[in-house]
């Protein structure tokens, strides 16, 4: 039955009268009319950069060091999810804006503003953006971390850091930031570990071996952290680490 009705429906739907009365939507595709290929490639490049923007913000700025140190601070206190992740990441983002403000002003002055005023094209604006970010990364990257990638590729390292390619500089900068963040995190852990050991020794001396030392030491950690104004000290240590 269905096979007999199907040709009838196909004939009706394909008839000109049905198309005029039903007002079916149509799609037309034009190639090479009114669109410049170069402009299309620029738009595609722009969307690619916007897609990679979160990775650029996280890995090529001070955000990595700051968020890792703040995470270490929370773990050292033993407060688990306090402060919450959203607050911690937001705080790290605003600290990153403070640290990267000179670089951001240079990018706006040398790249973004001339590009919006059509004084330079998109390629020159991206080149200026790369140079400003490289200037920040070159200041905080370690030579040993750059040398690692040259040792892996069995190539000679240049004498001037300006000659290091960007695809070498970015991973070396990330390693340097992680190393610095872990060093700061270790120093933050030391006083709290000492406090945990003291509390554990006191509990063992009192015969309370079944009582978790972390449960008893947490109020003392919070009290110590508040008395020394810990957030100010940690924030100051993070910000001063970028001035060395």
C-alpha atoms as a PDB file:
ATOM      1  CA  UNK A   1       0.000   0.000   0.000  1.00  0.00           C
ATOM      2  CA  UNK A   2       2.791   2.386   0.960  1.00  0.00           C
ATOM      3  CA  UNK A   3       4.660   1.662  -2.285  1.00  0.00           C
ATOM      4  CA  UNK A   4       1.574   2.626  -4.284  1.00  0.00           C
ATOM      5  CA  UNK A   5       1.013   5.918  -2.420  1.00  0.00           C
ATOM      6  CA  UNK A   6       4.667   7.035  -2.359  1.00  0.00           C
ATOM      7  CA  UNK A   7       4.948   7.897  -6.123  1.00  0.00           C
ATOM      8  CA  UNK A   8       1.778   9.955  -5.834  1.00  0.00           C
ATOM      9  CA  UNK A   9       3.222  12.072  -2.985  1.00  0.00           C
ATOM     10  CA  UNK A  10       6.509  12.549  -4.854  1.00  0.00           C
ATOM     11  CA  UNK A  11       4.599  13.727  -7.934  1.00  0.00           C
ATOM     12  CA  UNK A  12       2.506  16.183  -5.914  1.00  0.00           C
ATOM     13  CA  UNK A  13       5.456  17.618  -3.952  1.00  0.00           C
ATOM     14  CA  UNK A  14       7.539  18.094  -7.100  1.00  0.00           C
ATOM     15  CA  UNK A  15       4.787  19.861  -9.042  1.00  0.00           C
ATOM     16  CA  UNK A  16       5.274  23.645  -9.673  1.00  0.00           C
ATOM     17  CA  UNK A  17       1.830  24.473  -8.375  1.00  0.00           C
ATOM     18  CA  UNK A  18       2.479  22.916  -4.996  1.00  0.00           C
ATOM     19  CA  UNK A  19       5.808  24.771  -4.639  1.00  0.00           C
ATOM     20  CA  UNK A  20       4.123  28.106  -5.354  1.00  0.00           C
ATOM     21  CA  UNK A  21       1.233  27.570  -2.927  1.00  0.00           C
ATOM     22  CA  UNK A  22       3.283  25.998  -0.123  1.00  0.00           C
ATOM     23  CA  UNK A  23       6.041  28.674  -0.149  1.00  0.00           C
ATOM     24  CA  UNK A  24       8.786  26.214   0.697  1.00  0.00           C
ATOM     25  CA  UNK A  25      12.057  27.789   1.901  1.00  0.00           C
ATOM     26  CA  UNK A  26      14.938  27.752  -0.506  1.00  0.00           C
ATOM     27  CA  UNK A  27      18.690  27.872  -0.079  1.00  0.00           C
ATOM     28  CA  UNK A  28      21.058  29.413  -2.579  1.00  0.00           C
ATOM     29  CA  UNK A  29      24.842  29.188  -2.414  1.00  0.00           C
ATOM     30  CA  UNK A  30      27.059  31.593  -4.322  1.00  0.00           C
ATOM     31  CA  UNK A  31      30.790  31.066  -4.673  1.00  0.00           C
ATOM     32  CA  UNK A  32      33.147  33.895  -5.546  1.00  0.00           C
ATOM     33  CA  UNK A  33      30.504  36.640  -5.516  1.00  0.00           C
ATOM     34  CA  UNK A  34      30.961  39.586  -3.170  1.00  0.00           C
ATOM     35  CA  UNK A  35      33.415  37.792  -0.850  1.00  0.00           C
ATOM     36  CA  UNK A  36      37.158  38.210  -0.800  1.00  0.00           C
ATOM     37  CA  UNK A  37      39.130  35.080   0.022  1.00  0.00           C
ATOM     38  CA  UNK A  38      41.672  37.072   2.030  1.00  0.00           C
ATOM     39  CA  UNK A  39      38.913  38.555   4.194  1.00  0.00           C
ATOM     40  CA  UNK A  40      37.483  35.097   4.753  1.00  0.00           C
ATOM     41  CA  UNK A  41      40.866  33.787   5.876  1.00  0.00           C
ATOM     42  CA  UNK A  42      41.257  36.746   8.243  1.00  0.00           C
ATOM     43  CA  UNK A  43      37.870  35.989   9.810  1.00  0.00           C
ATOM     44  CA  UNK A  44      38.838  32.326  10.127  1.00  0.00           C
ATOM     45  CA  UNK A  45      42.126  33.316  11.763  1.00  0.00           C
ATOM     46  CA  UNK A  46      40.299  35.634  14.140  1.00  0.00           C
ATOM     47  CA  UNK A  47      37.909  32.888  15.274  1.00  0.00           C
ATOM     48  CA  UNK A  48      40.863  30.525  15.712  1.00  0.00           C
ATOM     49  CA  UNK A  49      42.573  33.038  17.989  1.00  0.00           C
ATOM     50  CA  UNK A  50      39.361  33.547  19.971  1.00  0.00           C
ATOM     51  CA  UNK A  51      39.097  29.773  20.401  1.00  0.00           C
ATOM     52  CA  UNK A  52      42.662  29.574  21.705  1.00  0.00           C
ATOM     53  CA  UNK A  53      42.297  32.711  23.862  1.00  0.00           C
ATOM     54  CA  UNK A  54      41.635  30.813  27.133  1.00  0.00           C
ATOM     55  CA  UNK A  55      44.785  28.737  26.652  1.00  0.00           C
ATOM     56  CA  UNK A  56      46.790  31.867  25.816  1.00  0.00           C
ATOM     57  CA  UNK A  57      45.479  33.665  28.911  1.00  0.00           C
ATOM     58  CA  UNK A  58      46.231  30.707  31.184  1.00  0.00           C
ATOM     59  CA  UNK A  59      49.599  29.551  29.842  1.00  0.00           C
ATOM     60  CA  UNK A  60      51.272  32.712  28.532  1.00  0.00           C
ATOM     61  CA  UNK A  61      50.554  34.975  31.494  1.00  0.00           C
ATOM     62  CA  UNK A  62      51.040  34.993  35.252  1.00  0.00           C
ATOM     63  CA  UNK A  63      47.807  33.064  35.828  1.00  0.00           C
ATOM     64  CA  UNK A  64      49.513  29.659  36.054  1.00  0.00           C
ATOM     65  CA  UNK A  65      51.803  30.583  38.931  1.00  0.00           C
ATOM     66  CA  UNK A  66      49.105  32.428  40.853  1.00  0.00           C
ATOM     67  CA  UNK A  67      46.399  29.766  40.686  1.00  0.00           C
ATOM     68  CA  UNK A  68      48.832  26.958  41.598  1.00  0.00           C
ATOM     69  CA  UNK A  69      50.126  28.867  44.637  1.00  0.00           C
ATOM     70  CA  UNK A  70      46.597  29.648  45.808  1.00  0.00           C
ATOM     71  CA  UNK A  71      45.665  25.982  45.424  1.00  0.00           C
ATOM     72  CA  UNK A  72      48.679  24.989  47.513  1.00  0.00           C
ATOM     73  CA  UNK A  73      47.614  27.514  50.135  1.00  0.00           C
ATOM     74  CA  UNK A  74      44.145  25.998  50.385  1.00  0.00           C
ATOM     75  CA  UNK A  75      45.539  22.474  50.653  1.00  0.00           C
ATOM     76  CA  UNK A  76      48.054  23.520  53.310  1.00  0.00           C
ATOM     77  CA  UNK A  77      45.249  24.940  55.409  1.00  0.00           C
ATOM     78  CA  UNK A  78      43.329  21.696  55.023  1.00  0.00           C
ATOM     79  CA  UNK A  79      40.037  23.480  54.321  1.00  0.00           C
ATOM     80  CA  UNK A  80      39.337  21.311  51.241  1.00  0.00           C
ATOM     81  CA  UNK A  81      36.856  23.378  49.156  1.00  0.00           C
ATOM     82  CA  UNK A  82      37.108  26.604  51.111  1.00  0.00           C
ATOM     83  CA  UNK A  83      37.617  29.073  49.458  1.00  0.00           C
ATOM     84  CA  UNK A  84      35.597  27.521  46.607  1.00  0.00           C
ATOM     85  CA  UNK A  85      37.124  27.019  43.176  1.00  0.00           C
ATOM     86  CA  UNK A  86      35.145  29.836  41.569  1.00  0.00           C
ATOM     87  CA  UNK A  87      36.376  32.342  44.144  1.00  0.00           C
ATOM     88  CA  UNK A  88      39.954  31.076  43.918  1.00  0.00           C
ATOM     89  CA  UNK A  89      40.054  31.261  40.114  1.00  0.00           C
ATOM     90  CA  UNK A  90      38.402  34.695  40.115  1.00  0.00           C
ATOM     91  CA  UNK A  91      40.961  35.984  42.616  1.00  0.00           C
ATOM     92  CA  UNK A  92      43.792  34.517  40.530  1.00  0.00           C
ATOM     93  CA  UNK A  93      42.357  36.162  37.416  1.00  0.00           C
ATOM     94  CA  UNK A  94      42.245  39.628  38.972  1.00  0.00           C
ATOM     95  CA  UNK A  95      45.774  39.220  40.344  1.00  0.00           C
ATOM     96  CA  UNK A  96      46.848  38.207  36.845  1.00  0.00           C
ATOM     97  CA  UNK A  97      45.242  41.374  35.461  1.00  0.00           C
ATOM     98  CA  UNK A  98      47.214  43.404  38.017  1.00  0.00           C
ATOM     99  CA  UNK A  99      50.492  41.714  37.116  1.00  0.00           C
ATOM    100  CA  UNK A 100      49.887  41.814  33.344  1.00  0.00           C
ATOM    101  CA  UNK A 101      48.637  45.417  33.271  1.00  0.00           C
ATOM    102  CA  UNK A 102      51.914  46.874  31.844  1.00  0.00           C
ATOM    103  CA  UNK A 103      51.917  44.187  29.152  1.00  0.00           C
ATOM    104  CA  UNK A 104      48.240  44.797  28.423  1.00  0.00           C
ATOM    105  CA  UNK A 105      48.792  48.539  28.096  1.00  0.00           C
ATOM    106  CA  UNK A 106      51.651  47.908  25.686  1.00  0.00           C
ATOM    107  CA  UNK A 107      49.479  45.548  23.617  1.00  0.00           C
ATOM    108  CA  UNK A 108      46.672  48.115  23.494  1.00  0.00           C
ATOM    109  CA  UNK A 109      49.019  50.938  22.537  1.00  0.00           C
ATOM    110  CA  UNK A 110      51.147  49.099  19.986  1.00  0.00           C
ATOM    111  CA  UNK A 111      48.706  46.593  18.495  1.00  0.00           C
ATOM    112  CA  UNK A 112      45.028  46.946  19.344  1.00  0.00           C
ATOM    113  CA  UNK A 113      44.601  50.705  19.006  1.00  0.00           C
ATOM    114  CA  UNK A 114      46.472  51.000  15.656  1.00  0.00           C
ATOM    115  CA  UNK A 115      44.511  48.004  14.337  1.00  0.00           C
ATOM    116  CA  UNK A 116      41.117  49.504  15.254  1.00  0.00           C
ATOM    117  CA  UNK A 117      42.194  52.767  13.617  1.00  0.00           C
ATOM    118  CA  UNK A 118      43.239  50.785  10.503  1.00  0.00           C
ATOM    119  CA  UNK A 119      46.833  51.955  10.764  1.00  0.00           C
ATOM    120  CA  UNK A 120      48.102  48.364  10.666  1.00  0.00           C
ATOM    121  CA  UNK A 121      46.633  45.113   9.374  1.00  0.00           C
ATOM    122  CA  UNK A 122      45.761  41.983  11.322  1.00  0.00           C
ATOM    123  CA  UNK A 123      49.100  40.284  10.729  1.00  0.00           C
ATOM    124  CA  UNK A 124      51.031  43.233  12.141  1.00  0.00           C
ATOM    125  CA  UNK A 125      48.674  43.399  15.142  1.00  0.00           C
ATOM    126  CA  UNK A 126      49.232  39.722  15.911  1.00  0.00           C
ATOM    127  CA  UNK A 127      52.980  40.225  15.549  1.00  0.00           C
ATOM    128  CA  UNK A 128      52.887  43.080  18.067  1.00  0.00           C
ATOM    129  CA  UNK A 129      50.803  40.950  20.439  1.00  0.00           C
ATOM    130  CA  UNK A 130      53.347  38.154  20.183  1.00  0.00           C
ATOM    131  CA  UNK A 131      56.261  40.503  20.850  1.00  0.00           C
ATOM    132  CA  UNK A 132      54.660  41.929  23.999  1.00  0.00           C
ATOM    133  CA  UNK A 133      53.819  38.495  25.381  1.00  0.00           C
ATOM    134  CA  UNK A 134      57.310  37.290  24.538  1.00  0.00           C
ATOM    135  CA  UNK A 135      58.799  40.210  26.457  1.00  0.00           C
ATOM    136  CA  UNK A 136      56.929  39.081  29.579  1.00  0.00           C
ATOM    137  CA  UNK A 137      57.812  35.409  29.134  1.00  0.00           C
ATOM    138  CA  UNK A 138      61.462  36.146  28.395  1.00  0.00           C
ATOM    139  CA  UNK A 139      61.711  37.988  31.702  1.00  0.00           C
ATOM    140  CA  UNK A 140      60.522  35.024  33.782  1.00  0.00           C
ATOM    141  CA  UNK A 141      61.686  31.958  31.853  1.00  0.00           C
ATOM    142  CA  UNK A 142      64.737  29.993  32.964  1.00  0.00           C
ATOM    143  CA  UNK A 143      67.588  29.284  30.579  1.00  0.00           C
ATOM    144  CA  UNK A 144      67.752  25.648  31.711  1.00  0.00           C
ATOM    145  CA  UNK A 145      64.130  25.119  30.718  1.00  0.00           C
ATOM    146  CA  UNK A 146      64.802  26.575  27.271  1.00  0.00           C
ATOM    147  CA  UNK A 147      67.892  24.400  26.962  1.00  0.00           C
ATOM    148  CA  UNK A 148      65.790  21.294  27.616  1.00  0.00           C
ATOM    149  CA  UNK A 149      63.953  21.638  24.302  1.00  0.00           C
ATOM    150  CA  UNK A 150      67.172  22.262  22.406  1.00  0.00           C
ATOM    151  CA  UNK A 151      68.695  19.155  23.998  1.00  0.00           C
ATOM    152  CA  UNK A 152      65.677  17.080  22.974  1.00  0.00           C
ATOM    153  CA  UNK A 153      65.878  18.287  19.372  1.00  0.00           C
ATOM    154  CA  UNK A 154      69.714  18.053  19.290  1.00  0.00           C
ATOM    155  CA  UNK A 155      70.093  21.639  18.112  1.00  0.00           C
ATOM    156  CA  UNK A 156      72.350  24.412  19.338  1.00  0.00           C
ATOM    157  CA  UNK A 157      70.736  27.001  21.567  1.00  0.00           C
ATOM    158  CA  UNK A 158      71.085  30.646  20.432  1.00  0.00           C
ATOM    159  CA  UNK A 159      73.104  33.127  22.467  1.00  0.00           C
ATOM    160  CA  UNK A 160      70.279  35.657  22.544  1.00  0.00           C
ATOM    161  CA  UNK A 161      66.881  34.799  23.991  1.00  0.00           C
ATOM    162  CA  UNK A 162      65.257  36.971  21.319  1.00  0.00           C
ATOM    163  CA  UNK A 163      66.225  34.328  18.787  1.00  0.00           C
ATOM    164  CA  UNK A 164      64.370  31.535  20.615  1.00  0.00           C
ATOM    165  CA  UNK A 165      61.279  30.493  18.611  1.00  0.00           C
ATOM    166  CA  UNK A 166      57.914  31.033  20.251  1.00  0.00           C
ATOM    167  CA  UNK A 167      57.054  27.319  20.185  1.00  0.00           C
ATOM    168  CA  UNK A 168      60.197  26.747  22.295  1.00  0.00           C
ATOM    169  CA  UNK A 169      59.618  29.704  24.577  1.00  0.00           C
ATOM    170  CA  UNK A 170      56.018  28.974  25.613  1.00  0.00           C
ATOM    171  CA  UNK A 171      56.524  25.422  27.006  1.00  0.00           C
ATOM    172  CA  UNK A 172      59.774  26.524  28.679  1.00  0.00           C
ATOM    173  CA  UNK A 173      57.901  29.405  30.301  1.00  0.00           C
ATOM    174  CA  UNK A 174      55.177  27.036  31.543  1.00  0.00           C
ATOM    175  CA  UNK A 175      57.772  24.746  33.141  1.00  0.00           C
ATOM    176  CA  UNK A 176      59.450  27.728  34.793  1.00  0.00           C
ATOM    177  CA  UNK A 177      56.139  28.982  36.170  1.00  0.00           C
ATOM    178  CA  UNK A 178      55.236  25.568  37.564  1.00  0.00           C
ATOM    179  CA  UNK A 179      58.645  25.225  39.203  1.00  0.00           C
ATOM    180  CA  UNK A 180      58.390  28.651  40.832  1.00  0.00           C
ATOM    181  CA  UNK A 181      54.828  27.945  41.977  1.00  0.00           C
ATOM    182  CA  UNK A 182      55.851  24.632  43.570  1.00  0.00           C
ATOM    183  CA  UNK A 183      58.762  26.320  45.336  1.00  0.00           C
ATOM    184  CA  UNK A 184      56.432  28.928  46.830  1.00  0.00           C
ATOM    185  CA  UNK A 185      53.925  26.202  47.698  1.00  0.00           C
ATOM    186  CA  UNK A 186      56.609  24.232  49.581  1.00  0.00           C
ATOM    187  CA  UNK A 187      57.475  27.280  51.664  1.00  0.00           C
ATOM    188  CA  UNK A 188      53.782  27.761  52.440  1.00  0.00           C
ATOM    189  CA  UNK A 189      53.428  24.160  53.561  1.00  0.00           C
ATOM    190  CA  UNK A 190      56.327  24.197  56.059  1.00  0.00           C
ATOM    191  CA  UNK A 191      54.721  26.088  58.998  1.00  0.00           C
ATOM    192  CA  UNK A 192      51.490  24.102  58.727  1.00  0.00           C
ATOM    193  CA  UNK A 193      53.372  20.784  58.622  1.00  0.00           C
ATOM    194  CA  UNK A 194      55.249  21.797  61.779  1.00  0.00           C
ATOM    195  CA  UNK A 195      51.945  22.613  63.455  1.00  0.00           C
ATOM    196  CA  UNK A 196      50.503  19.234  62.426  1.00  0.00           C
ATOM    197  CA  UNK A 197      53.555  17.448  63.865  1.00  0.00           C
ATOM    198  CA  UNK A 198      53.276  19.334  67.153  1.00  0.00           C
ATOM    199  CA  UNK A 199      49.581  18.510  67.496  1.00  0.00           C
ATOM    200  CA  UNK A 200      50.196  14.857  66.617  1.00  0.00           C
ATOM    201  CA  UNK A 201      52.978  14.610  69.219  1.00  0.00           C
ATOM    202  CA  UNK A 202      50.752  16.148  71.906  1.00  0.00           C
ATOM    203  CA  UNK A 203      47.897  13.779  71.101  1.00  0.00           C
ATOM    204  CA  UNK A 204      50.190  10.757  71.248  1.00  0.00           C
ATOM    205  CA  UNK A 205      51.601  11.931  74.577  1.00  0.00           C
ATOM    206  CA  UNK A 206      48.064  12.240  75.936  1.00  0.00           C
ATOM    207  CA  UNK A 207      47.165   8.778  74.661  1.00  0.00           C
ATOM    208  CA  UNK A 208      44.613  10.068  72.128  1.00  0.00           C
ATOM    209  CA  UNK A 209      45.972   8.085  69.210  1.00  0.00           C
ATOM    210  CA  UNK A 210      42.522   7.455  67.755  1.00  0.00           C
ATOM    211  CA  UNK A 211      41.805  11.185  67.361  1.00  0.00           C
ATOM    212  CA  UNK A 212      42.871  12.481  63.885  1.00  0.00           C
ATOM    213  CA  UNK A 213      45.559  15.172  64.285  1.00  0.00           C
ATOM    214  CA  UNK A 214      44.232  17.050  61.234  1.00  0.00           C
ATOM    215  CA  UNK A 215      40.891  17.525  62.941  1.00  0.00           C
ATOM    216  CA  UNK A 216      42.514  19.144  65.970  1.00  0.00           C
ATOM    217  CA  UNK A 217      45.126  21.177  64.119  1.00  0.00           C
ATOM    218  CA  UNK A 218      42.724  22.824  61.643  1.00  0.00           C
ATOM    219  CA  UNK A 219      41.382  25.450  64.113  1.00  0.00           C
ATOM    220  CA  UNK A 220      44.946  26.298  65.126  1.00  0.00           C
ATOM    221  CA  UNK A 221      45.928  26.623  61.440  1.00  0.00           C
ATOM    222  CA  UNK A 222      43.063  28.998  60.802  1.00  0.00           C
ATOM    223  CA  UNK A 223      43.897  30.982  63.944  1.00  0.00           C
ATOM    224  CA  UNK A 224      47.566  31.249  62.934  1.00  0.00           C
ATOM    225  CA  UNK A 225      46.639  32.209  59.379  1.00  0.00           C
ATOM    226  CA  UNK A 226      44.291  34.947  60.565  1.00  0.00           C
ATOM    227  CA  UNK A 227      46.690  36.334  63.181  1.00  0.00           C
ATOM    228  CA  UNK A 228      49.537  36.762  60.699  1.00  0.00           C
ATOM    229  CA  UNK A 229      47.155  38.147  58.028  1.00  0.00           C
ATOM    230  CA  UNK A 230      47.934  35.224  55.768  1.00  0.00           C
ATOM    231  CA  UNK A 231      46.115  36.309  52.635  1.00  0.00           C
ATOM    232  CA  UNK A 232      48.023  39.581  52.561  1.00  0.00           C
ATOM    233  CA  UNK A 233      51.335  37.760  53.035  1.00  0.00           C
ATOM    234  CA  UNK A 234      50.557  35.184  50.355  1.00  0.00           C
ATOM    235  CA  UNK A 235      49.354  37.807  47.886  1.00  0.00           C
ATOM    236  CA  UNK A 236      52.415  39.957  48.545  1.00  0.00           C
ATOM    237  CA  UNK A 237      54.732  36.977  48.066  1.00  0.00           C
ATOM    238  CA  UNK A 238      53.078  36.105  44.749  1.00  0.00           C
ATOM    239  CA  UNK A 239      53.236  39.663  43.423  1.00  0.00           C
ATOM    240  CA  UNK A 240      56.831  40.213  44.556  1.00  0.00           C
ATOM    241  CA  UNK A 241      57.892  37.000  42.848  1.00  0.00           C
ATOM    242  CA  UNK A 242      57.227  38.671  39.486  1.00  0.00           C
ATOM    243  CA  UNK A 243      59.542  41.575  40.301  1.00  0.00           C
ATOM    244  CA  UNK A 244      62.638  39.411  40.768  1.00  0.00           C
END
